[in-house]
Protein backbone atom coordinates (compact mmCIF):
# COMPACT_ATOMS: atom_id res chain seq x y z
CA MET A 1 10.50 2.48 6.26
CA TYR A 2 9.25 2.95 2.74
CA LEU A 3 11.27 0.40 0.76
CA LEU A 4 11.72 -0.76 -2.80
CA VAL A 5 12.44 -4.51 -2.65
CA HIS A 6 13.00 -6.33 -5.95
CA GLY A 7 11.01 -3.56 -7.69
CA GLU A 8 8.08 -3.82 -5.24
CA ARG A 9 7.18 -0.96 -2.89
CA ARG A 10 6.64 -1.84 0.75
CA ILE A 11 6.07 -0.05 4.03
CA LYS A 12 7.64 -2.16 6.76
CA ARG A 13 9.50 -1.90 10.01
CA VAL A 14 13.11 -2.97 9.54
CA GLN A 15 15.40 -4.55 12.12
CA ARG A 16 19.07 -5.32 11.58
CA VAL A 17 20.05 -8.84 12.60
CA ALA A 18 23.34 -10.72 12.92
CA GLY A 19 25.45 -11.08 9.80
CA GLY A 20 24.24 -7.87 8.15
CA ALA A 21 20.77 -9.13 7.25
CA TRP A 22 17.55 -7.17 7.73
CA LEU A 23 14.27 -8.44 9.07
CA GLN A 24 11.12 -6.93 7.53
CA ILE A 25 8.32 -6.68 10.07
CA SER A 26 4.72 -5.88 9.18
CA ASP A 27 2.26 -4.31 11.59
CA ASN A 28 -0.38 -6.52 9.95
CA GLN A 29 -0.25 -9.88 11.74
CA ARG A 30 -1.37 -11.69 8.57
CA TYR A 31 2.11 -11.19 7.14
CA GLU A 32 5.08 -13.07 8.51
CA LYS A 33 8.48 -11.54 9.12
CA LYS A 34 10.76 -11.78 6.11
CA LEU A 35 14.56 -11.94 6.13
CA ILE A 36 16.55 -9.97 3.58
CA LYS A 37 19.96 -11.60 3.26
CA PRO A 38 23.10 -9.45 2.82
CA GLN A 39 23.61 -10.76 -0.72
CA ASP A 40 20.09 -9.54 -1.63
CA MET A 41 20.66 -6.01 -0.31
CA LYS A 42 21.64 -4.80 -3.80
CA ASP A 43 17.94 -5.14 -4.72
CA VAL A 44 16.76 -3.03 -1.74
CA LYS A 45 16.46 0.75 -1.70
CA ILE A 46 15.21 2.91 1.16
CA LEU A 47 12.88 5.46 -0.41
CA GLU A 48 11.74 7.33 2.72
CA ARG A 49 11.23 7.06 6.41
CA CYS A 50 7.54 6.82 7.35
CA GLU A 51 6.14 8.27 10.50
CA ILE A 52 2.59 8.26 11.76
CA ARG A 53 1.12 9.69 14.92
CA ILE A 54 -2.31 8.63 16.02
CA ARG A 55 -3.98 10.63 18.72
CA LYS A 56 -7.23 10.12 20.52
CA VAL A 57 -9.92 12.47 19.25
CA LEU A 58 -12.53 13.53 21.78
């Protein structure tokens, strides 16, 4: 997802977890998963859904 979190743009995978929270997951292993608590959801906007397809080029 392409997100706006506290005014900062991010491209992350998002997983819903118990209690209405979201878990931000980065494909880059240098970044840890980050929990967005339900009370912080007012500062989160979904801007777009991102999709990428990588194919093998011969």
